[in-house]
Amino acid sequence: LARARSALGKGELLATLSRKLGLPACLRLAKG
């Protein structure tokens, strides 16, 4: 169970899901 939760919660997968949801376009970032 821990391995499965870890695999599903990895940063790379969350980043992929964020891109699919269009979140990067919504970010407010510092100029730098």
PDB file of all heavy atoms in Angstrom:
ATOM      1  N   LEU A   1       0.830  -1.210   0.000  1.00  0.00           N
ATOM      2  CA  LEU A   1       0.000   0.000   0.000  1.00  0.00           C
ATOM      3  C   LEU A   1       0.863   1.258   0.000  1.00  0.00           C
ATOM      4  O   LEU A   1       0.587   2.220  -0.726  1.00  0.00           O
ATOM      5  CB  LEU A   1      -0.937   0.005   1.216  1.00  0.00           C
ATOM      6  CG  LEU A   1      -2.015  -1.075   1.235  1.00  0.00           C
ATOM      7  CD1 LEU A   1      -2.709  -1.108   2.593  1.00  0.00           C
ATOM      8  CD2 LEU A   1      -3.017  -0.860   0.116  1.00  0.00           C
ATOM      9  N   ALA A   2       1.925   1.231   0.798  1.00  0.00           N
ATOM     10  CA  ALA A   2       2.818   2.394   0.878  1.00  0.00           C
ATOM     11  C   ALA A   2       3.519   2.621  -0.453  1.00  0.00           C
ATOM     12  O   ALA A   2       3.660   3.771  -0.895  1.00  0.00           O
ATOM     13  CB  ALA A   2       3.843   2.191   1.996  1.00  0.00           C
ATOM     14  N   ARG A   3       3.954   1.546  -1.121  1.00  0.00           N
ATOM     15  CA  ARG A   3       4.603   1.689  -2.425  1.00  0.00           C
ATOM     16  C   ARG A   3       3.639   2.282  -3.448  1.00  0.00           C
ATOM     17  O   ARG A   3       4.006   3.158  -4.239  1.00  0.00           O
ATOM     18  CB  ARG A   3       5.123   0.339  -2.917  1.00  0.00           C
ATOM     19  CG  ARG A   3       6.497  -0.010  -2.398  1.00  0.00           C
ATOM     20  CD  ARG A   3       7.070  -1.236  -3.103  1.00  0.00           C
ATOM     21  NE  ARG A   3       6.217  -2.421  -3.004  1.00  0.00           N
ATOM     22  CZ  ARG A   3       6.131  -3.188  -1.918  1.00  0.00           C
ATOM     23  NH1 ARG A   3       6.814  -2.906  -0.846  1.00  0.00           N
ATOM     24  NH2 ARG A   3       5.349  -4.247  -1.904  1.00  0.00           N
ATOM     25  N   ALA A   4       2.406   1.806  -3.424  1.00  0.00           N
ATOM     26  CA  ALA A   4       1.412   2.307  -4.375  1.00  0.00           C
ATOM     27  C   ALA A   4       1.115   3.782  -4.115  1.00  0.00           C
ATOM     28  O   ALA A   4       1.056   4.586  -5.047  1.00  0.00           O
ATOM     29  CB  ALA A   4       0.138   1.480  -4.288  1.00  0.00           C
ATOM     30  N   ARG A   5       0.929   4.146  -2.857  1.00  0.00           N
ATOM     31  CA  ARG A   5       0.653   5.552  -2.535  1.00  0.00           C
ATOM     32  C   ARG A   5       1.840   6.422  -2.915  1.00  0.00           C
ATOM     33  O   ARG A   5       1.675   7.508  -3.464  1.00  0.00           O
ATOM     34  CB  ARG A   5       0.337   5.719  -1.053  1.00  0.00           C
ATOM     35  CG  ARG A   5      -0.047   7.174  -0.719  1.00  0.00           C
ATOM     36  CD  ARG A   5      -0.247   7.387   0.739  1.00  0.00           C
ATOM     37  NE  ARG A   5       1.015   7.136   1.418  1.00  0.00           N
ATOM     38  CZ  ARG A   5       1.127   6.856   2.704  1.00  0.00           C
ATOM     39  NH1 ARG A   5       0.067   6.786   3.464  1.00  0.00           N
ATOM     40  NH2 ARG A   5       2.309   6.639   3.241  1.00  0.00           N
ATOM     41  N   SER A   6       3.035   5.950  -2.662  1.00  0.00           N
ATOM     42  CA  SER A   6       4.237   6.704  -3.012  1.00  0.00           C
ATOM     43  C   SER A   6       4.335   6.909  -4.521  1.00  0.00           C
ATOM     44  O   SER A   6       4.646   8.002  -4.994  1.00  0.00           O
ATOM     45  CB  SER A   6       5.474   5.980  -2.491  1.00  0.00           C
ATOM     46  OG  SER A   6       6.642   6.645  -2.886  1.00  0.00           O
ATOM     47  N   ALA A   7       4.078   5.861  -5.291  1.00  0.00           N
ATOM     48  CA  ALA A   7       4.147   5.969  -6.747  1.00  0.00           C
ATOM     49  C   ALA A   7       3.112   6.959  -7.279  1.00  0.00           C
ATOM     50  O   ALA A   7       3.400   7.758  -8.170  1.00  0.00           O
ATOM     51  CB  ALA A   7       3.936   4.592  -7.383  1.00  0.00           C
ATOM     52  N   LEU A   8       1.918   6.931  -6.706  1.00  0.00           N
ATOM     53  CA  LEU A   8       0.852   7.818  -7.170  1.00  0.00           C
ATOM     54  C   LEU A   8       1.057   9.254  -6.706  1.00  0.00           C
ATOM     55  O   LEU A   8       0.532  10.182  -7.316  1.00  0.00           O
ATOM     56  CB  LEU A   8      -0.504   7.306  -6.673  1.00  0.00           C
ATOM     57  CG  LEU A   8      -0.966   6.005  -7.321  1.00  0.00           C
ATOM     58  CD1 LEU A   8      -2.115   5.398  -6.531  1.00  0.00           C
ATOM     59  CD2 LEU A   8      -1.354   6.233  -8.771  1.00  0.00           C
ATOM     60  N   GLY A   9       1.817   9.451  -5.647  1.00  0.00           N
ATOM     61  CA  GLY A   9       2.023  10.792  -5.120  1.00  0.00           C
ATOM     62  C   GLY A   9       3.348  11.418  -5.518  1.00  0.00           C
ATOM     63  O   GLY A   9       3.706  12.484  -5.024  1.00  0.00           O
ATOM     64  N   LYS A  10       4.077  10.771  -6.414  1.00  0.00           N
ATOM     65  CA  LYS A  10       5.391  11.298  -6.823  1.00  0.00           C
ATOM     66  C   LYS A  10       5.247  12.623  -7.547  1.00  0.00           C
ATOM     67  O   LYS A  10       4.289  12.865  -8.265  1.00  0.00           O
ATOM     68  CB  LYS A  10       6.118  10.301  -7.717  1.00  0.00           C
ATOM     69  CG  LYS A  10       6.722   9.177  -6.943  1.00  0.00           C
ATOM     70  CD  LYS A  10       7.759   8.473  -7.775  1.00  0.00           C
ATOM     71  CE  LYS A  10       8.222   7.264  -7.014  1.00  0.00           C
ATOM     72  NZ  LYS A  10       9.508   7.277  -6.542  1.00  0.00           N
ATOM     73  N   GLY A  11       6.269  13.449  -7.374  1.00  0.00           N
ATOM     74  CA  GLY A  11       6.271  14.774  -7.971  1.00  0.00           C
ATOM     75  C   GLY A  11       6.102  14.780  -9.474  1.00  0.00           C
ATOM     76  O   GLY A  11       5.392  15.622 -10.026  1.00  0.00           O
ATOM     77  N   GLU A  12       6.750  13.845 -10.157  1.00  0.00           N
ATOM     78  CA  GLU A  12       6.664  13.812 -11.613  1.00  0.00           C
ATOM     79  C   GLU A  12       5.229  13.586 -12.080  1.00  0.00           C
ATOM     80  O   GLU A  12       4.758  14.232 -13.015  1.00  0.00           O
ATOM     81  CB  GLU A  12       7.579  12.713 -12.153  1.00  0.00           C
ATOM     82  CG  GLU A  12       7.698  12.726 -13.657  1.00  0.00           C
ATOM     83  CD  GLU A  12       8.728  11.721 -14.151  1.00  0.00           C
ATOM     84  OE1 GLU A  12       9.719  11.471 -13.445  1.00  0.00           O
ATOM     85  OE2 GLU A  12       8.520  11.188 -15.243  1.00  0.00           O
ATOM     86  N   LEU A  13       4.517  12.678 -11.406  1.00  0.00           N
ATOM     87  CA  LEU A  13       3.127  12.423 -11.779  1.00  0.00           C
ATOM     88  C   LEU A  13       2.256  13.636 -11.455  1.00  0.00           C
ATOM     89  O   LEU A  13       1.409  14.032 -12.258  1.00  0.00           O
ATOM     90  CB  LEU A  13       2.591  11.178 -11.067  1.00  0.00           C
ATOM     91  CG  LEU A  13       1.112  10.875 -11.326  1.00  0.00           C
ATOM     92  CD1 LEU A  13       0.850  10.649 -12.817  1.00  0.00           C
ATOM     93  CD2 LEU A  13       0.668   9.671 -10.515  1.00  0.00           C
ATOM     94  N   LEU A  14       2.464  14.238 -10.281  1.00  0.00           N
ATOM     95  CA  LEU A  14       1.681  15.426  -9.927  1.00  0.00           C
ATOM     96  C   LEU A  14       1.940  16.563 -10.908  1.00  0.00           C
ATOM     97  O   LEU A  14       1.018  17.307 -11.269  1.00  0.00           O
ATOM     98  CB  LEU A  14       1.987  15.860  -8.500  1.00  0.00           C
ATOM     99  CG  LEU A  14       1.555  14.890  -7.404  1.00  0.00           C
ATOM    100  CD1 LEU A  14       1.990  15.402  -6.044  1.00  0.00           C
ATOM    101  CD2 LEU A  14       0.063  14.656  -7.439  1.00  0.00           C
ATOM    102  N   ALA A  15       3.171  16.711 -11.357  1.00  0.00           N
ATOM    103  CA  ALA A  15       3.492  17.741 -12.348  1.00  0.00           C
ATOM    104  C   ALA A  15       2.778  17.449 -13.662  1.00  0.00           C
ATOM    105  O   ALA A  15       2.224  18.357 -14.293  1.00  0.00           O
ATOM    106  CB  ALA A  15       5.009  17.822 -12.554  1.00  0.00           C
ATOM    107  N   THR A  16       2.745  16.196 -14.072  1.00  0.00           N
ATOM    108  CA  THR A  16       2.043  15.812 -15.299  1.00  0.00           C
ATOM    109  C   THR A  16       0.555  16.117 -15.188  1.00  0.00           C
ATOM    110  O   THR A  16      -0.045  16.674 -16.121  1.00  0.00           O
ATOM    111  CB  THR A  16       2.259  14.310 -15.591  1.00  0.00           C
ATOM    112  OG1 THR A  16       3.648  14.079 -15.785  1.00  0.00           O
ATOM    113  CG2 THR A  16       1.496  13.859 -16.814  1.00  0.00           C
ATOM    114  N   LEU A  17      -0.033  15.777 -14.052  1.00  0.00           N
ATOM    115  CA  LEU A  17      -1.454  16.068 -13.847  1.00  0.00           C
ATOM    116  C   LEU A  17      -1.706  17.573 -13.854  1.00  0.00           C
ATOM    117  O   LEU A  17      -2.719  18.034 -14.403  1.00  0.00           O
ATOM    118  CB  LEU A  17      -1.948  15.452 -12.530  1.00  0.00           C
ATOM    119  CG  LEU A  17      -1.931  13.921 -12.458  1.00  0.00           C
ATOM    120  CD1 LEU A  17      -2.336  13.454 -11.071  1.00  0.00           C
ATOM    121  CD2 LEU A  17      -2.819  13.312 -13.523  1.00  0.00           C
ATOM    122  N   SER A  18      -0.804  18.335 -13.262  1.00  0.00           N
ATOM    123  CA  SER A  18      -0.942  19.791 -13.252  1.00  0.00           C
ATOM    124  C   SER A  18      -0.919  20.352 -14.671  1.00  0.00           C
ATOM    125  O   SER A  18      -1.704  21.255 -15.002  1.00  0.00           O
ATOM    126  CB  SER A  18       0.173  20.435 -12.427  1.00  0.00           C
ATOM    127  OG  SER A  18      -0.007  20.151 -11.063  1.00  0.00           O
ATOM    128  N   ARG A  19      -0.034  19.812 -15.495  1.00  0.00           N
ATOM    129  CA  ARG A  19       0.023  20.274 -16.889  1.00  0.00           C
ATOM    130  C   ARG A  19      -1.271  19.939 -17.618  1.00  0.00           C
ATOM    131  O   ARG A  19      -1.798  20.750 -18.378  1.00  0.00           O
ATOM    132  CB  ARG A  19       1.234  19.674 -17.608  1.00  0.00           C
ATOM    133  CG  ARG A  19       2.556  20.297 -17.188  1.00  0.00           C
ATOM    134  CD  ARG A  19       3.710  19.870 -18.086  1.00  0.00           C
ATOM    135  NE  ARG A  19       3.927  18.434 -18.107  1.00  0.00           N
ATOM    136  CZ  ARG A  19       4.666  17.761 -17.220  1.00  0.00           C
ATOM    137  NH1 ARG A  19       5.254  18.401 -16.213  1.00  0.00           N
ATOM    138  NH2 ARG A  19       4.829  16.453 -17.322  1.00  0.00           N
ATOM    139  N   LYS A  20      -1.793  18.734 -17.395  1.00  0.00           N
ATOM    140  CA  LYS A  20      -3.050  18.336 -18.039  1.00  0.00           C
ATOM    141  C   LYS A  20      -4.200  19.255 -17.610  1.00  0.00           C
ATOM    142  O   LYS A  20      -5.126  19.492 -18.383  1.00  0.00           O
ATOM    143  CB  LYS A  20      -3.389  16.885 -17.701  1.00  0.00           C
ATOM    144  CG  LYS A  20      -2.552  15.876 -18.435  1.00  0.00           C
ATOM    145  CD  LYS A  20      -2.965  14.468 -18.090  1.00  0.00           C
ATOM    146  CE  LYS A  20      -2.114  13.456 -18.817  1.00  0.00           C
ATOM    147  NZ  LYS A  20      -2.482  12.072 -18.458  1.00  0.00           N
ATOM    148  N   LEU A  21      -4.152  19.741 -16.375  1.00  0.00           N
ATOM    149  CA  LEU A  21      -5.191  20.632 -15.861  1.00  0.00           C
ATOM    150  C   LEU A  21      -4.947  22.095 -16.248  1.00  0.00           C
ATOM    151  O   LEU A  21      -5.754  22.959 -15.926  1.00  0.00           O
ATOM    152  CB  LEU A  21      -5.270  20.511 -14.332  1.00  0.00           C
ATOM    153  CG  LEU A  21      -5.719  19.164 -13.796  1.00  0.00           C
ATOM    154  CD1 LEU A  21      -5.486  19.078 -12.289  1.00  0.00           C
ATOM    155  CD2 LEU A  21      -7.187  18.906 -14.119  1.00  0.00           C
ATOM    156  N   GLY A  22      -3.816  22.365 -16.890  1.00  0.00           N
ATOM    157  CA  GLY A  22      -3.513  23.726 -17.316  1.00  0.00           C
ATOM    158  C   GLY A  22      -3.043  24.642 -16.198  1.00  0.00           C
ATOM    159  O   GLY A  22      -3.081  25.871 -16.328  1.00  0.00           O
ATOM    160  N   LEU A  23      -2.564  24.077 -15.098  1.00  0.00           N
ATOM    161  CA  LEU A  23      -2.167  24.891 -13.947  1.00  0.00           C
ATOM    162  C   LEU A  23      -0.950  25.778 -14.186  1.00  0.00           C
ATOM    163  O   LEU A  23      -0.915  26.891 -13.662  1.00  0.00           O
ATOM    164  CB  LEU A  23      -1.941  24.003 -12.719  1.00  0.00           C
ATOM    165  CG  LEU A  23      -3.173  23.282 -12.179  1.00  0.00           C
ATOM    166  CD1 LEU A  23      -2.815  22.496 -10.927  1.00  0.00           C
ATOM    167  CD2 LEU A  23      -4.309  24.230 -11.905  1.00  0.00           C
ATOM    168  N   PRO A  24       0.066  25.346 -14.957  1.00  0.00           N
ATOM    169  CA  PRO A  24       1.227  26.225 -15.132  1.00  0.00           C
ATOM    170  C   PRO A  24       0.853  27.608 -15.685  1.00  0.00           C
ATOM    171  O   PRO A  24       1.443  28.615 -15.298  1.00  0.00           O
ATOM    172  CB  PRO A  24       2.119  25.454 -16.104  1.00  0.00           C
ATOM    173  CG  PRO A  24       1.803  24.026 -15.816  1.00  0.00           C
ATOM    174  CD  PRO A  24       0.313  24.018 -15.551  1.00  0.00           C
ATOM    175  N   ALA A  25      -0.139  27.669 -16.545  1.00  0.00           N
ATOM    176  CA  ALA A  25      -0.549  28.963 -17.104  1.00  0.00           C
ATOM    177  C   ALA A  25      -1.178  29.869 -16.047  1.00  0.00           C
ATOM    178  O   ALA A  25      -1.228  31.086 -16.226  1.00  0.00           O
ATOM    179  CB  ALA A  25      -1.539  28.740 -18.253  1.00  0.00           C
ATOM    180  N   CYS A  26      -1.636  29.296 -14.948  1.00  0.00           N
ATOM    181  CA  CYS A  26      -2.311  30.065 -13.901  1.00  0.00           C
ATOM    182  C   CYS A  26      -1.367  30.550 -12.807  1.00  0.00           C
ATOM    183  O   CYS A  26      -1.791  31.299 -11.923  1.00  0.00           O
ATOM    184  CB  CYS A  26      -3.404  29.212 -13.253  1.00  0.00           C
ATOM    185  SG  CYS A  26      -4.644  28.616 -14.414  1.00  0.00           S
ATOM    186  N   LEU A  27      -0.118  30.126 -12.840  1.00  0.00           N
ATOM    187  CA  LEU A  27       0.814  30.467 -11.772  1.00  0.00           C
ATOM    188  C   LEU A  27       1.181  31.952 -11.795  1.00  0.00           C
ATOM    189  O   LEU A  27       1.399  32.523 -12.863  1.00  0.00           O
ATOM    190  CB  LEU A  27       2.093  29.633 -11.889  1.00  0.00           C
ATOM    191  CG  LEU A  27       1.955  28.135 -11.670  1.00  0.00           C
ATOM    192  CD1 LEU A  27       3.284  27.446 -11.934  1.00  0.00           C
ATOM    193  CD2 LEU A  27       1.454  27.830 -10.282  1.00  0.00           C
ATOM    194  N   ARG A  28       1.273  32.541 -10.621  1.00  0.00           N
ATOM    195  CA  ARG A  28       1.821  33.882 -10.463  1.00  0.00           C
ATOM    196  C   ARG A  28       3.240  33.703  -9.956  1.00  0.00           C
ATOM    197  O   ARG A  28       3.447  33.172  -8.873  1.00  0.00           O
ATOM    198  CB  ARG A  28       0.990  34.678  -9.466  1.00  0.00           C
ATOM    199  CG  ARG A  28      -0.410  34.949  -9.977  1.00  0.00           C
ATOM    200  CD  ARG A  28      -1.288  35.475  -8.876  1.00  0.00           C
ATOM    201  NE  ARG A  28      -1.240  36.929  -8.863  1.00  0.00           N
ATOM    202  CZ  ARG A  28      -1.667  37.660  -7.853  1.00  0.00           C
ATOM    203  NH1 ARG A  28      -2.137  37.084  -6.770  1.00  0.00           N
ATOM    204  NH2 ARG A  28      -1.620  38.966  -7.917  1.00  0.00           N
ATOM    205  N   LEU A  29       4.184  34.134 -10.764  1.00  0.00           N
ATOM    206  CA  LEU A  29       5.587  33.918 -10.436  1.00  0.00           C
ATOM    207  C   LEU A  29       6.308  35.249 -10.251  1.00  0.00           C
ATOM    208  O   LEU A  29       5.934  36.257 -10.857  1.00  0.00           O
ATOM    209  CB  LEU A  29       6.276  33.138 -11.556  1.00  0.00           C
ATOM    210  CG  LEU A  29       5.731  31.748 -11.869  1.00  0.00           C
ATOM    211  CD1 LEU A  29       6.400  31.194 -13.116  1.00  0.00           C
ATOM    212  CD2 LEU A  29       5.939  30.819 -10.701  1.00  0.00           C
ATOM    213  N   ALA A  30       7.356  35.211  -9.450  1.00  0.00           N
ATOM    214  CA  ALA A  30       8.237  36.369  -9.336  1.00  0.00           C
ATOM    215  C   ALA A  30       8.886  36.596 -10.702  1.00  0.00           C
ATOM    216  O   ALA A  30       9.054  35.655 -11.490  1.00  0.00           O
ATOM    217  CB  ALA A  30       9.302  36.108  -8.274  1.00  0.00           C
ATOM    218  N   LYS A  31       9.265  37.827 -10.976  1.00  0.00           N
ATOM    219  CA  LYS A  31       9.845  38.158 -12.285  1.00  0.00           C
ATOM    220  C   LYS A  31      11.050  37.290 -12.614  1.00  0.00           C
ATOM    221  O   LYS A  31      11.205  36.826 -13.743  1.00  0.00           O
ATOM    222  CB  LYS A  31      10.227  39.641 -12.334  1.00  0.00           C
ATOM    223  CG  LYS A  31       9.035  40.555 -12.417  1.00  0.00           C
ATOM    224  CD  LYS A  31       9.468  42.009 -12.489  1.00  0.00           C
ATOM    225  CE  LYS A  31       8.242  42.904 -12.474  1.00  0.00           C
ATOM    226  NZ  LYS A  31       8.608  44.323 -12.587  1.00  0.00           N
ATOM    227  N   GLY A  32      11.899  37.074 -11.625  1.00  0.00           N
ATOM    228  CA  GLY A  32      13.089  36.256 -11.856  1.00  0.00           C
ATOM    229  C   GLY A  32      12.737  34.821 -12.204  1.00  0.00           C
ATOM    230  O   GLY A  32      13.345  34.228 -13.100  1.00  0.00           O
TER     231      GLY A  32
END
